[in-house]
Amino acid sequence: MAHYAKVTDGIVQKVIVAEAEFFDTFVDDSPGEWVQTSYNTRGNVHYAPDSWNPDGGTALRKNYAGIGHHYDGVGFYAPQPFPSWTLNSNTYLWDPPTAMPDDGKMYIWNETDKKWDEQEDTRSS
């Protein structure tokens, strides 16, 4: 089984699971096109099923399609999270102006100041 995204005017409307042969007889009179997407592709890397380990497989269309995501004929990407973030042309993921600190603490993006604000860990021990 494979995943297919219904794309209308560059926006994913729905995602279904079907055999490729399904489209041999499927009649869809609504506008748009069906584009195959891979559940195991993220950031232009193919991962082993149910894993975060790259498996060397072929990445399909940069990212797995989600409803509301964009498709430009090359890859799928999520809506822009903040105006200051830019779309990475290789991964089709959004990059912040500065990388989030990698110190094990929790952060949230502050668009007004264009920086990462540390968040207090409110989880109980």
PDB file of N, CA and C in Angstrom:
ATOM      1  N   MET A   1       0.839  -1.181   0.000  1.00  0.00           N
ATOM      2  CA  MET A   1       0.000   0.000   0.000  1.00  0.00           C
ATOM      3  C   MET A   1       0.883   1.243   0.000  1.00  0.00           C
ATOM      4  N   ALA A   2       0.386   2.264  -0.623  1.00  0.00           N
ATOM      5  CA  ALA A   2       1.108   3.536  -0.703  1.00  0.00           C
ATOM      6  C   ALA A   2       0.183   4.661  -0.256  1.00  0.00           C
ATOM      7  N   HIS A   3       0.763   5.807  -0.011  1.00  0.00           N
ATOM      8  CA  HIS A   3       0.014   6.995   0.379  1.00  0.00           C
ATOM      9  C   HIS A   3      -0.038   7.959  -0.805  1.00  0.00           C
ATOM     10  N   TYR A   4      -1.200   8.580  -0.984  1.00  0.00           N
ATOM     11  CA  TYR A   4      -1.393   9.540  -2.065  1.00  0.00           C
ATOM     12  C   TYR A   4      -2.051  10.791  -1.504  1.00  0.00           C
ATOM     13  N   ALA A   5      -1.574  11.946  -1.964  1.00  0.00           N
ATOM     14  CA  ALA A   5      -2.122  13.229  -1.535  1.00  0.00           C
ATOM     15  C   ALA A   5      -2.911  13.844  -2.681  1.00  0.00           C
ATOM     16  N   LYS A   6      -4.093  14.342  -2.372  1.00  0.00           N
ATOM     17  CA  LYS A   6      -4.885  15.095  -3.347  1.00  0.00           C
ATOM     18  C   LYS A   6      -4.450  16.546  -3.233  1.00  0.00           C
ATOM     19  N   VAL A   7      -3.883  17.075  -4.326  1.00  0.00           N
ATOM     20  CA  VAL A   7      -3.344  18.429  -4.335  1.00  0.00           C
ATOM     21  C   VAL A   7      -4.185  19.295  -5.270  1.00  0.00           C
ATOM     22  N   THR A   8      -4.692  20.399  -4.738  1.00  0.00           N
ATOM     23  CA  THR A   8      -5.458  21.356  -5.526  1.00  0.00           C
ATOM     24  C   THR A   8      -4.826  22.724  -5.346  1.00  0.00           C
ATOM     25  N   ASP A   9      -4.449  23.342  -6.450  1.00  0.00           N
ATOM     26  CA  ASP A   9      -3.806  24.664  -6.417  1.00  0.00           C
ATOM     27  C   ASP A   9      -2.618  24.695  -5.459  1.00  0.00           C
ATOM     28  N   GLY A  10      -1.839  23.615  -5.448  1.00  0.00           N
ATOM     29  CA  GLY A  10      -0.623  23.560  -4.644  1.00  0.00           C
ATOM     30  C   GLY A  10      -0.817  23.251  -3.178  1.00  0.00           C
ATOM     31  N   ILE A  11      -2.055  22.966  -2.758  1.00  0.00           N
ATOM     32  CA  ILE A  11      -2.333  22.677  -1.344  1.00  0.00           C
ATOM     33  C   ILE A  11      -2.903  21.271  -1.204  1.00  0.00           C
ATOM     34  N   VAL A  12      -2.385  20.512  -0.243  1.00  0.00           N
ATOM     35  CA  VAL A  12      -2.863  19.151   0.009  1.00  0.00           C
ATOM     36  C   VAL A  12      -4.246  19.226   0.660  1.00  0.00           C
ATOM     37  N   GLN A  13      -5.218  18.563   0.031  1.00  0.00           N
ATOM     38  CA  GLN A  13      -6.595  18.551   0.530  1.00  0.00           C
ATOM     39  C   GLN A  13      -6.897  17.313   1.368  1.00  0.00           C
ATOM     40  N   LYS A  14      -6.311  16.181   0.985  1.00  0.00           N
ATOM     41  CA  LYS A  14      -6.513  14.936   1.726  1.00  0.00           C
ATOM     42  C   LYS A  14      -5.389  13.984   1.391  1.00  0.00           C
ATOM     43  N   VAL A  15      -5.211  12.972   2.237  1.00  0.00           N
ATOM     44  CA  VAL A  15      -4.211  11.927   2.024  1.00  0.00           C
ATOM     45  C   VAL A  15      -4.905  10.590   2.230  1.00  0.00           C
ATOM     46  N   ILE A  16      -4.699   9.667   1.288  1.00  0.00           N
ATOM     47  CA  ILE A  16      -5.315   8.347   1.392  1.00  0.00           C
ATOM     48  C   ILE A  16      -4.253   7.265   1.255  1.00  0.00           C
ATOM     49  N   VAL A  17      -4.623   6.053   1.654  1.00  0.00           N
ATOM     50  CA  VAL A  17      -3.790   4.880   1.473  1.00  0.00           C
ATOM     51  C   VAL A  17      -4.474   4.009   0.435  1.00  0.00           C
ATOM     52  N   ALA A  18      -3.723   3.620  -0.606  1.00  0.00           N
ATOM     53  CA  ALA A  18      -4.318   2.824  -1.683  1.00  0.00           C
ATOM     54  C   ALA A  18      -3.229   2.091  -2.450  1.00  0.00           C
ATOM     55  N   GLU A  19      -3.641   1.064  -3.153  1.00  0.00           N
ATOM     56  CA  GLU A  19      -2.755   0.393  -4.096  1.00  0.00           C
ATOM     57  C   GLU A  19      -2.662   1.259  -5.350  1.00  0.00           C
ATOM     58  N   ALA A  20      -1.549   1.213  -6.052  1.00  0.00           N
ATOM     59  CA  ALA A  20      -1.388   2.002  -7.276  1.00  0.00           C
ATOM     60  C   ALA A  20      -2.480   1.665  -8.287  1.00  0.00           C
ATOM     61  N   GLU A  21      -2.906   0.400  -8.333  1.00  0.00           N
ATOM     62  CA  GLU A  21      -3.925  -0.032  -9.284  1.00  0.00           C
ATOM     63  C   GLU A  21      -5.285   0.628  -9.023  1.00  0.00           C
ATOM     64  N   PHE A  22      -5.495   1.102  -7.813  1.00  0.00           N
ATOM     65  CA  PHE A  22      -6.739   1.778  -7.470  1.00  0.00           C
ATOM     66  C   PHE A  22      -7.005   2.931  -8.437  1.00  0.00           C
ATOM     67  N   PHE A  23      -5.940   3.633  -8.820  1.00  0.00           N
ATOM     68  CA  PHE A  23      -6.092   4.796  -9.685  1.00  0.00           C
ATOM     69  C   PHE A  23      -6.353   4.422 -11.147  1.00  0.00           C
ATOM     70  N   ASP A  24      -6.210   3.120 -11.491  1.00  0.00           N
ATOM     71  CA  ASP A  24      -6.528   2.672 -12.850  1.00  0.00           C
ATOM     72  C   ASP A  24      -8.025   2.792 -13.134  1.00  0.00           C
ATOM     73  N   THR A  25      -8.842   2.627 -12.097  1.00  0.00           N
ATOM     74  CA  THR A  25     -10.299   2.659 -12.289  1.00  0.00           C
ATOM     75  C   THR A  25     -10.991   3.759 -11.489  1.00  0.00           C
ATOM     76  N   PHE A  26     -10.247   4.430 -10.624  1.00  0.00           N
ATOM     77  CA  PHE A  26     -10.826   5.469  -9.775  1.00  0.00           C
ATOM     78  C   PHE A  26     -11.214   6.677 -10.621  1.00  0.00           C
ATOM     79  N   VAL A  27     -12.430   7.141 -10.472  1.00  0.00           N
ATOM     80  CA  VAL A  27     -12.892   8.327 -11.180  1.00  0.00           C
ATOM     81  C   VAL A  27     -13.021   9.460 -10.173  1.00  0.00           C
ATOM     82  N   ASP A  28     -12.269  10.516 -10.399  1.00  0.00           N
ATOM     83  CA  ASP A  28     -12.297  11.677  -9.527  1.00  0.00           C
ATOM     84  C   ASP A  28     -12.483  12.906 -10.407  1.00  0.00           C
ATOM     85  N   ASP A  29     -13.675  13.460 -10.391  1.00  0.00           N
ATOM     86  CA  ASP A  29     -13.981  14.613 -11.227  1.00  0.00           C
ATOM     87  C   ASP A  29     -13.656  15.942 -10.545  1.00  0.00           C
ATOM     88  N   SER A  30     -13.210  15.897  -9.305  1.00  0.00           N
ATOM     89  CA  SER A  30     -12.898  17.136  -8.597  1.00  0.00           C
ATOM     90  C   SER A  30     -11.552  17.681  -9.091  1.00  0.00           C
ATOM     91  N   PRO A  31     -11.343  18.992  -8.986  1.00  0.00           N
ATOM     92  CA  PRO A  31     -10.092  19.576  -9.448  1.00  0.00           C
ATOM     93  C   PRO A  31      -8.904  19.066  -8.635  1.00  0.00           C
ATOM     94  N   GLY A  32      -7.739  19.078  -9.240  1.00  0.00           N
ATOM     95  CA  GLY A  32      -6.518  18.688  -8.554  1.00  0.00           C
ATOM     96  C   GLY A  32      -5.926  17.423  -9.106  1.00  0.00           C
ATOM     97  N   GLU A  33      -4.848  17.001  -8.485  1.00  0.00           N
ATOM     98  CA  GLU A  33      -4.151  15.784  -8.910  1.00  0.00           C
ATOM     99  C   GLU A  33      -3.781  14.955  -7.692  1.00  0.00           C
ATOM    100  N   TRP A  34      -3.641  13.649  -7.908  1.00  0.00           N
ATOM    101  CA  TRP A  34      -3.186  12.735  -6.862  1.00  0.00           C
ATOM    102  C   TRP A  34      -1.688  12.545  -7.021  1.00  0.00           C
ATOM    103  N   VAL A  35      -0.940  12.746  -5.930  1.00  0.00           N
ATOM    104  CA  VAL A  35       0.513  12.654  -5.950  1.00  0.00           C
ATOM    105  C   VAL A  35       0.945  11.681  -4.863  1.00  0.00           C
ATOM    106  N   GLN A  36       1.799  10.730  -5.220  1.00  0.00           N
ATOM    107  CA  GLN A  36       2.264   9.772  -4.222  1.00  0.00           C
ATOM    108  C   GLN A  36       3.175  10.464  -3.214  1.00  0.00           C
ATOM    109  N   THR A  37       3.063  10.061  -1.961  1.00  0.00           N
ATOM    110  CA  THR A  37       3.877  10.596  -0.879  1.00  0.00           C
ATOM    111  C   THR A  37       4.367   9.424  -0.032  1.00  0.00           C
ATOM    112  N   SER A  38       5.479   9.592   0.649  1.00  0.00           N
ATOM    113  CA  SER A  38       6.048   8.507   1.446  1.00  0.00           C
ATOM    114  C   SER A  38       5.972   8.817   2.933  1.00  0.00           C
ATOM    115  N   TYR A  39       5.306   7.938   3.667  1.00  0.00           N
ATOM    116  CA  TYR A  39       5.168   8.058   5.108  1.00  0.00           C
ATOM    117  C   TYR A  39       6.536   8.046   5.800  1.00  0.00           C
ATOM    118  N   ASN A  40       7.540   7.465   5.152  1.00  0.00           N
ATOM    119  CA  ASN A  40       8.864   7.315   5.749  1.00  0.00           C
ATOM    120  C   ASN A  40       9.860   8.393   5.315  1.00  0.00           C
ATOM    121  N   THR A  41       9.377   9.452   4.657  1.00  0.00           N
ATOM    122  CA  THR A  41      10.268  10.519   4.197  1.00  0.00           C
ATOM    123  C   THR A  41      10.061  11.775   5.032  1.00  0.00           C
ATOM    124  N   ARG A  42      11.168  12.313   5.537  1.00  0.00           N
ATOM    125  CA  ARG A  42      11.141  13.582   6.267  1.00  0.00           C
ATOM    126  C   ARG A  42      12.467  14.301   6.046  1.00  0.00           C
ATOM    127  N   GLY A  43      12.390  15.568   5.666  1.00  0.00           N
ATOM    128  CA  GLY A  43      13.602  16.355   5.475  1.00  0.00           C
ATOM    129  C   GLY A  43      14.476  15.837   4.356  1.00  0.00           C
ATOM    130  N   ASN A  44      13.862  15.250   3.348  1.00  0.00           N
ATOM    131  CA  ASN A  44      14.547  14.680   2.187  1.00  0.00           C
ATOM    132  C   ASN A  44      15.427  13.481   2.553  1.00  0.00           C
ATOM    133  N   VAL A  45      15.038  12.776   3.613  1.00  0.00           N
ATOM    134  CA  VAL A  45      15.727  11.553   4.049  1.00  0.00           C
ATOM    135  C   VAL A  45      14.667  10.467   4.200  1.00  0.00           C
ATOM    136  N   HIS A  46      14.994   9.253   3.774  1.00  0.00           N
ATOM    137  CA  HIS A  46      14.087   8.122   3.940  1.00  0.00           C
ATOM    138  C   HIS A  46      14.486   7.364   5.204  1.00  0.00           C
ATOM    139  N   TYR A  47      13.502   7.124   6.065  1.00  0.00           N
ATOM    140  CA  TYR A  47      13.746   6.450   7.339  1.00  0.00           C
ATOM    141  C   TYR A  47      13.156   5.052   7.327  1.00  0.00           C
ATOM    142  N   ALA A  48      13.751   4.174   8.129  1.00  0.00           N
ATOM    143  CA  ALA A  48      13.210   2.833   8.292  1.00  0.00           C
ATOM    144  C   ALA A  48      11.822   2.951   8.909  1.00  0.00           C
ATOM    145  N   PRO A  49      10.900   2.043   8.553  1.00  0.00           N
ATOM    146  CA  PRO A  49       9.545   2.104   9.136  1.00  0.00           C
ATOM    147  C   PRO A  49       9.587   2.130  10.660  1.00  0.00           C
ATOM    148  N   ASP A  50       8.761   2.998  11.245  1.00  0.00           N
ATOM    149  CA  ASP A  50       8.642   3.127  12.702  1.00  0.00           C
ATOM    150  C   ASP A  50       9.982   3.403  13.378  1.00  0.00           C
ATOM    151  N   SER A  51      10.804   4.237  12.749  1.00  0.00           N
ATOM    152  CA  SER A  51      12.135   4.501  13.279  1.00  0.00           C
ATOM    153  C   SER A  51      12.581   5.908  12.898  1.00  0.00           C
ATOM    154  N   TRP A  52      13.554   6.426  13.626  1.00  0.00           N
ATOM    155  CA  TRP A  52      14.201   7.672  13.250  1.00  0.00           C
ATOM    156  C   TRP A  52      15.576   7.389  12.681  1.00  0.00           C
ATOM    157  N   ASN A  53      15.781   6.148  12.215  1.00  0.00           N
ATOM    158  CA  ASN A  53      17.063   5.757  11.644  1.00  0.00           C
ATOM    159  C   ASN A  53      16.991   5.791  10.126  1.00  0.00           C
ATOM    160  N   PRO A  54      17.826   6.625   9.471  1.00  0.00           N
ATOM    161  CA  PRO A  54      17.842   6.608   8.009  1.00  0.00           C
ATOM    162  C   PRO A  54      18.192   5.209   7.515  1.00  0.00           C
ATOM    163  N   ASP A  55      17.495   4.769   6.464  1.00  0.00           N
ATOM    164  CA  ASP A  55      17.741   3.407   5.984  1.00  0.00           C
ATOM    165  C   ASP A  55      18.359   3.377   4.587  1.00  0.00           C
ATOM    166  N   GLY A  56      18.719   4.536   4.044  1.00  0.00           N
ATOM    167  CA  GLY A  56      19.354   4.570   2.736  1.00  0.00           C
ATOM    168  C   GLY A  56      18.374   4.467   1.579  1.00  0.00           C
ATOM    169  N   GLY A  57      17.082   4.380   1.890  1.00  0.00           N
ATOM    170  CA  GLY A  57      16.075   4.319   0.837  1.00  0.00           C
ATOM    171  C   GLY A  57      15.939   5.660   0.133  1.00  0.00           C
ATOM    172  N   THR A  58      15.196   5.651  -0.943  1.00  0.00           N
ATOM    173  CA  THR A  58      14.991   6.866  -1.719  1.00  0.00           C
ATOM    174  C   THR A  58      13.909   7.728  -1.088  1.00  0.00           C
ATOM    175  N   ALA A  59      14.254   8.962  -0.763  1.00  0.00           N
ATOM    176  CA  ALA A  59      13.285   9.920  -0.223  1.00  0.00           C
ATOM    177  C   ALA A  59      12.349  10.333  -1.350  1.00  0.00           C
ATOM    178  N   LEU A  60      11.059  10.347  -1.071  1.00  0.00           N
ATOM    179  CA  LEU A  60      10.062  10.691  -2.086  1.00  0.00           C
ATOM    180  C   LEU A  60       9.453  12.053  -1.776  1.00  0.00           C
ATOM    181  N   ARG A  61       9.696  13.019  -2.627  1.00  0.00           N
ATOM    182  CA  ARG A  61       9.096  14.359  -2.566  1.00  0.00           C
ATOM    183  C   ARG A  61       9.358  15.086  -1.245  1.00  0.00           C
ATOM    184  N   LYS A  62      10.576  14.928  -0.753  1.00  0.00           N
ATOM    185  CA  LYS A  62      11.123  15.694   0.382  1.00  0.00           C
ATOM    186  C   LYS A  62      10.510  15.386   1.746  1.00  0.00           C
ATOM    187  N   ASN A  63       9.153  15.356   1.840  1.00  0.00           N
ATOM    188  CA  ASN A  63       8.469  15.134   3.119  1.00  0.00           C
ATOM    189  C   ASN A  63       7.150  14.413   2.872  1.00  0.00           C
ATOM    190  N   TYR A  64       6.642  13.781   3.911  1.00  0.00           N
ATOM    191  CA  TYR A  64       5.313  13.189   3.856  1.00  0.00           C
ATOM    192  C   TYR A  64       4.289  14.316   3.788  1.00  0.00           C
ATOM    193  N   ALA A  65       3.296  14.166   2.953  1.00  0.00           N
ATOM    194  CA  ALA A  65       2.271  15.194   2.785  1.00  0.00           C
ATOM    195  C   ALA A  65       1.291  15.182   3.948  1.00  0.00           C
ATOM    196  N   GLY A  66       0.902  16.350   4.362  1.00  0.00           N
ATOM    197  CA  GLY A  66      -0.137  16.503   5.375  1.00  0.00           C
ATOM    198  C   GLY A  66      -1.197  17.454   4.856  1.00  0.00           C
ATOM    199  N   ILE A  67      -2.399  17.326   5.350  1.00  0.00           N
ATOM    200  CA  ILE A  67      -3.477  18.222   4.928  1.00  0.00           C
ATOM    201  C   ILE A  67      -3.066  19.661   5.243  1.00  0.00           C
ATOM    202  N   GLY A  68      -3.212  20.525   4.253  1.00  0.00           N
ATOM    203  CA  GLY A  68      -2.823  21.916   4.404  1.00  0.00           C
ATOM    204  C   GLY A  68      -1.384  22.202   4.009  1.00  0.00           C
ATOM    205  N   HIS A  69      -0.609  21.152   3.752  1.00  0.00           N
ATOM    206  CA  HIS A  69       0.771  21.350   3.304  1.00  0.00           C
ATOM    207  C   HIS A  69       0.778  21.826   1.859  1.00  0.00           C
ATOM    208  N   HIS A  70       1.902  22.351   1.446  1.00  0.00           N
ATOM    209  CA  HIS A  70       2.084  22.845   0.081  1.00  0.00           C
ATOM    210  C   HIS A  70       2.803  21.779  -0.755  1.00  0.00           C
ATOM    211  N   TYR A  71       2.545  21.808  -2.052  1.00  0.00           N
ATOM    212  CA  TYR A  71       3.278  20.962  -3.001  1.00  0.00           C
ATOM    213  C   TYR A  71       3.601  21.829  -4.202  1.00  0.00           C
ATOM    214  N   ASP A  72       4.886  21.892  -4.560  1.00  0.00           N
ATOM    215  CA  ASP A  72       5.321  22.767  -5.645  1.00  0.00           C
ATOM    216  C   ASP A  72       5.760  22.013  -6.892  1.00  0.00           C
ATOM    217  N   GLY A  73       5.412  20.735  -6.968  1.00  0.00           N
ATOM    218  CA  GLY A  73       5.832  19.918  -8.100  1.00  0.00           C
ATOM    219  C   GLY A  73       7.127  19.175  -7.827  1.00  0.00           C
ATOM    220  N   VAL A  74       7.841  19.574  -6.782  1.00  0.00           N
ATOM    221  CA  VAL A  74       9.085  18.912  -6.385  1.00  0.00           C
ATOM    222  C   VAL A  74       8.904  18.216  -5.049  1.00  0.00           C
ATOM    223  N   GLY A  75       8.383  18.948  -4.073  1.00  0.00           N
ATOM    224  CA  GLY A  75       8.250  18.377  -2.738  1.00  0.00           C
ATOM    225  C   GLY A  75       7.102  18.979  -1.956  1.00  0.00           C
ATOM    226  N   PHE A  76       6.803  18.300  -0.841  1.00  0.00           N
ATOM    227  CA  PHE A  76       5.770  18.749   0.096  1.00  0.00           C
ATOM    228  C   PHE A  76       6.434  19.506   1.235  1.00  0.00           C
ATOM    229  N   TYR A  77       5.771  20.555   1.719  1.00  0.00           N
ATOM    230  CA  TYR A  77       6.276  21.267   2.884  1.00  0.00           C
ATOM    231  C   TYR A  77       5.116  21.890   3.647  1.00  0.00           C
ATOM    232  N   ALA A  78       5.308  22.002   4.961  1.00  0.00           N
ATOM    233  CA  ALA A  78       4.287  22.546   5.860  1.00  0.00           C
ATOM    234  C   ALA A  78       4.143  24.049   5.641  1.00  0.00           C
ATOM    235  N   PRO A  79       3.031  24.626   6.094  1.00  0.00           N
ATOM    236  CA  PRO A  79       2.905  26.085   6.035  1.00  0.00           C
ATOM    237  C   PRO A  79       4.016  26.748   6.853  1.00  0.00           C
ATOM    238  N   GLN A  80       4.399  27.937   6.467  1.00  0.00           N
ATOM    239  CA  GLN A  80       5.456  28.672   7.147  1.00  0.00           C
ATOM    240  C   GLN A  80       5.038  28.967   8.591  1.00  0.00           C
ATOM    241  N   PRO A  81       5.837  28.526   9.585  1.00  0.00           N
ATOM    242  CA  PRO A  81       5.439  28.724  10.980  1.00  0.00           C
ATOM    243  C   PRO A  81       5.571  30.170  11.463  1.00  0.00           C
ATOM    244  N   PHE A  82       6.578  30.889  10.968  1.00  0.00           N
ATOM    245  CA  PHE A  82       6.817  32.279  11.356  1.00  0.00           C
ATOM    246  C   PHE A  82       7.340  33.037  10.136  1.00  0.00           C
ATOM    247  N   PRO A  83       7.014  34.316  10.015  1.00  0.00           N
ATOM    248  CA  PRO A  83       7.470  35.086   8.851  1.00  0.00           C
ATOM    249  C   PRO A  83       8.985  35.136   8.682  1.00  0.00           C
ATOM    250  N   SER A  84       9.745  35.051   9.768  1.00  0.00           N
ATOM    251  CA  SER A  84      11.203  35.155   9.674  1.00  0.00           C
ATOM    252  C   SER A  84      11.881  33.851   9.253  1.00  0.00           C
ATOM    253  N   TRP A  85      11.155  32.750   9.249  1.00  0.00           N
ATOM    254  CA  TRP A  85      11.749  31.460   8.908  1.00  0.00           C
ATOM    255  C   TRP A  85      11.786  31.283   7.395  1.00  0.00           C
ATOM    256  N   THR A  86      12.812  30.594   6.908  1.00  0.00           N
ATOM    257  CA  THR A  86      12.971  30.387   5.464  1.00  0.00           C
ATOM    258  C   THR A  86      12.914  28.900   5.133  1.00  0.00           C
ATOM    259  N   LEU A  87      12.398  28.611   3.948  1.00  0.00           N
ATOM    260  CA  LEU A  87      12.282  27.227   3.499  1.00  0.00           C
ATOM    261  C   LEU A  87      13.632  26.741   2.998  1.00  0.00           C
ATOM    262  N   ASN A  88      14.097  25.639   3.566  1.00  0.00           N
ATOM    263  CA  ASN A  88      15.354  25.030   3.157  1.00  0.00           C
ATOM    264  C   ASN A  88      15.118  24.322   1.821  1.00  0.00           C
ATOM    265  N   SER A  89      15.850  24.702   0.794  1.00  0.00           N
ATOM    266  CA  SER A  89      15.614  24.161  -0.545  1.00  0.00           C
ATOM    267  C   SER A  89      16.030  22.703  -0.693  1.00  0.00           C
ATOM    268  N   ASN A  90      16.786  22.163   0.250  1.00  0.00           N
ATOM    269  CA  ASN A  90      17.163  20.751   0.205  1.00  0.00           C
ATOM    270  C   ASN A  90      16.193  19.881   1.000  1.00  0.00           C
ATOM    271  N   THR A  91      15.887  20.292   2.220  1.00  0.00           N
ATOM    272  CA  THR A  91      15.047  19.471   3.097  1.00  0.00           C
ATOM    273  C   THR A  91      13.560  19.786   2.983  1.00  0.00           C
ATOM    274  N   TYR A  92      13.224  20.978   2.494  1.00  0.00           N
ATOM    275  CA  TYR A  92      11.852  21.466   2.460  1.00  0.00           C
ATOM    276  C   TYR A  92      11.265  21.548   3.872  1.00  0.00           C
ATOM    277  N   LEU A  93      12.125  21.818   4.843  1.00  0.00           N
ATOM    278  CA  LEU A  93      11.715  22.122   6.211  1.00  0.00           C
ATOM    279  C   LEU A  93      12.024  23.598   6.442  1.00  0.00           C
ATOM    280  N   TRP A  94      11.340  24.210   7.396  1.00  0.00           N
ATOM    281  CA  TRP A  94      11.531  25.625   7.678  1.00  0.00           C
ATOM    282  C   TRP A  94      12.678  25.818   8.650  1.00  0.00           C
ATOM    283  N   ASP A  95      13.603  26.721   8.314  1.00  0.00           N
ATOM    284  CA  ASP A  95      14.749  27.025   9.163  1.00  0.00           C
ATOM    285  C   ASP A  95      14.540  28.368   9.860  1.00  0.00           C
ATOM    286  N   PRO A  96      14.757  28.416  11.181  1.00  0.00           N
ATOM    287  CA  PRO A  96      14.694  29.697  11.891  1.00  0.00           C
ATOM    288  C   PRO A  96      15.943  30.521  11.571  1.00  0.00           C
ATOM    289  N   PRO A  97      15.900  31.830  11.829  1.00  0.00           N
ATOM    290  CA  PRO A  97      17.076  32.664  11.568  1.00  0.00           C
ATOM    291  C   PRO A  97      18.298  32.245  12.389  1.00  0.00           C
ATOM    292  N   THR A  98      18.062  31.696  13.583  1.00  0.00           N
ATOM    293  CA  THR A  98      19.144  31.160  14.408  1.00  0.00           C
ATOM    294  C   THR A  98      18.714  29.781  14.899  1.00  0.00           C
ATOM    295  N   ALA A  99      19.679  28.890  14.975  1.00  0.00           N
ATOM    296  CA  ALA A  99      19.376  27.526  15.415  1.00  0.00           C
ATOM    297  C   ALA A  99      18.968  27.510  16.883  1.00  0.00           C
ATOM    298  N   MET A 100      18.063  26.600  17.222  1.00  0.00           N
ATOM    299  CA  MET A 100      17.654  26.443  18.608  1.00  0.00           C
ATOM    300  C   MET A 100      18.840  25.889  19.407  1.00  0.00           C
ATOM    301  N   PRO A 101      19.082  26.421  20.610  1.00  0.00           N
ATOM    302  CA  PRO A 101      20.177  25.891  21.431  1.00  0.00           C
ATOM    303  C   PRO A 101      20.017  24.386  21.657  1.00  0.00           C
ATOM    304  N   ASP A 102      21.134  23.701  21.680  1.00  0.00           N
ATOM    305  CA  ASP A 102      21.137  22.246  21.858  1.00  0.00           C
ATOM    306  C   ASP A 102      21.762  21.925  23.215  1.00  0.00           C
ATOM    307  N   ASP A 103      21.084  22.367  24.278  1.00  0.00           N
ATOM    308  CA  ASP A 103      21.635  22.182  25.617  1.00  0.00           C
ATOM    309  C   ASP A 103      20.707  21.372  26.519  1.00  0.00           C
ATOM    310  N   GLY A 104      19.693  20.734  25.906  1.00  0.00           N
ATOM    311  CA  GLY A 104      18.777  19.903  26.671  1.00  0.00           C
ATOM    312  C   GLY A 104      17.640  20.661  27.334  1.00  0.00           C
ATOM    313  N   LYS A 105      17.636  21.972  27.220  1.00  0.00           N
ATOM    314  CA  LYS A 105      16.562  22.774  27.801  1.00  0.00           C
ATOM    315  C   LYS A 105      15.440  22.941  26.788  1.00  0.00           C
ATOM    316  N   MET A 106      14.293  23.411  27.266  1.00  0.00           N
ATOM    317  CA  MET A 106      13.130  23.618  26.383  1.00  0.00           C
ATOM    318  C   MET A 106      13.090  25.075  25.943  1.00  0.00           C
ATOM    319  N   TYR A 107      12.788  25.290  24.643  1.00  0.00           N
ATOM    320  CA  TYR A 107      12.743  26.633  24.082  1.00  0.00           C
ATOM    321  C   TYR A 107      11.506  26.805  23.225  1.00  0.00           C
ATOM    322  N   ILE A 108      11.103  28.055  23.081  1.00  0.00           N
ATOM    323  CA  ILE A 108      10.021  28.415  22.184  1.00  0.00           C
ATOM    324  C   ILE A 108      10.497  29.627  21.381  1.00  0.00           C
ATOM    325  N   TRP A 109      10.104  29.670  20.100  1.00  0.00           N
ATOM    326  CA  TRP A 109      10.546  30.761  19.241  1.00  0.00           C
ATOM    327  C   TRP A 109       9.796  32.047  19.582  1.00  0.00           C
ATOM    328  N   ASN A 110      10.542  33.141  19.713  1.00  0.00           N
ATOM    329  CA  ASN A 110       9.994  34.472  19.969  1.00  0.00           C
ATOM    330  C   ASN A 110      10.138  35.258  18.667  1.00  0.00           C
ATOM    331  N   GLU A 111       9.052  35.364  17.912  1.00  0.00           N
ATOM    332  CA  GLU A 111       9.102  36.034  16.610  1.00  0.00           C
ATOM    333  C   GLU A 111       9.345  37.532  16.745  1.00  0.00           C
ATOM    334  N   THR A 112       8.853  38.150  17.797  1.00  0.00           N
ATOM    335  CA  THR A 112       9.043  39.589  17.984  1.00  0.00           C
ATOM    336  C   THR A 112      10.526  39.938  18.100  1.00  0.00           C
ATOM    337  N   ASP A 113      11.248  39.172  18.923  1.00  0.00           N
ATOM    338  CA  ASP A 113      12.669  39.431  19.147  1.00  0.00           C
ATOM    339  C   ASP A 113      13.576  38.570  18.276  1.00  0.00           C
ATOM    340  N   LYS A 114      12.973  37.675  17.482  1.00  0.00           N
ATOM    341  CA  LYS A 114      13.732  36.778  16.588  1.00  0.00           C
ATOM    342  C   LYS A 114      14.791  35.993  17.362  1.00  0.00           C
ATOM    343  N   LYS A 115      14.328  35.349  18.451  1.00  0.00           N
ATOM    344  CA  LYS A 115      15.259  34.555  19.262  1.00  0.00           C
ATOM    345  C   LYS A 115      14.497  33.437  19.966  1.00  0.00           C
ATOM    346  N   TRP A 116      15.265  32.493  20.496  1.00  0.00           N
ATOM    347  CA  TRP A 116      14.698  31.381  21.257  1.00  0.00           C
ATOM    348  C   TRP A 116      14.601  31.784  22.721  1.00  0.00           C
ATOM    349  N   ASP A 117      13.424  31.647  23.311  1.00  0.00           N
ATOM    350  CA  ASP A 117      13.230  31.915  24.737  1.00  0.00           C
ATOM    351  C   ASP A 117      13.173  30.590  25.483  1.00  0.00           C
ATOM    352  N   GLU A 118      13.971  30.511  26.539  1.00  0.00           N
ATOM    353  CA  GLU A 118      13.961  29.300  27.355  1.00  0.00           C
ATOM    354  C   GLU A 118      12.622  29.185  28.081  1.00  0.00           C
ATOM    355  N   GLN A 119      12.093  27.983  28.135  1.00  0.00           N
ATOM    356  CA  GLN A 119      10.827  27.721  28.820  1.00  0.00           C
ATOM    357  C   GLN A 119      11.098  26.893  30.065  1.00  0.00           C
ATOM    358  N   GLU A 120      10.389  27.233  31.122  1.00  0.00           N
ATOM    359  CA  GLU A 120      10.512  26.468  32.353  1.00  0.00           C
ATOM    360  C   GLU A 120       9.895  25.093  32.134  1.00  0.00           C
ATOM    361  N   ASP A 121      10.563  24.078  32.606  1.00  0.00           N
ATOM    362  CA  ASP A 121      10.048  22.712  32.523  1.00  0.00           C
ATOM    363  C   ASP A 121       9.011  22.551  33.632  1.00  0.00           C
ATOM    364  N   THR A 122       7.737  22.466  33.242  1.00  0.00           N
ATOM    365  CA  THR A 122       6.644  22.373  34.217  1.00  0.00           C
ATOM    366  C   THR A 122       6.217  20.932  34.480  1.00  0.00           C
ATOM    367  N   ARG A 123       6.949  19.993  33.895  1.00  0.00           N
ATOM    368  CA  ARG A 123       6.611  18.584  34.154  1.00  0.00           C
ATOM    369  C   ARG A 123       6.981  18.239  35.584  1.00  0.00           C
ATOM    370  N   SER A 124       6.125  17.496  36.242  1.00  0.00           N
ATOM    371  CA  SER A 124       6.417  17.113  37.618  1.00  0.00           C
ATOM    372  C   SER A 124       7.329  15.891  37.627  1.00  0.00           C
ATOM    373  N   SER A 125       8.138  15.793  38.658  1.00  0.00           N
ATOM    374  CA  SER A 125       9.100  14.685  38.766  1.00  0.00           C
ATOM    375  C   SER A 125       8.438  13.423  39.214  1.00  0.00           C
TER     376      SER A 125
END
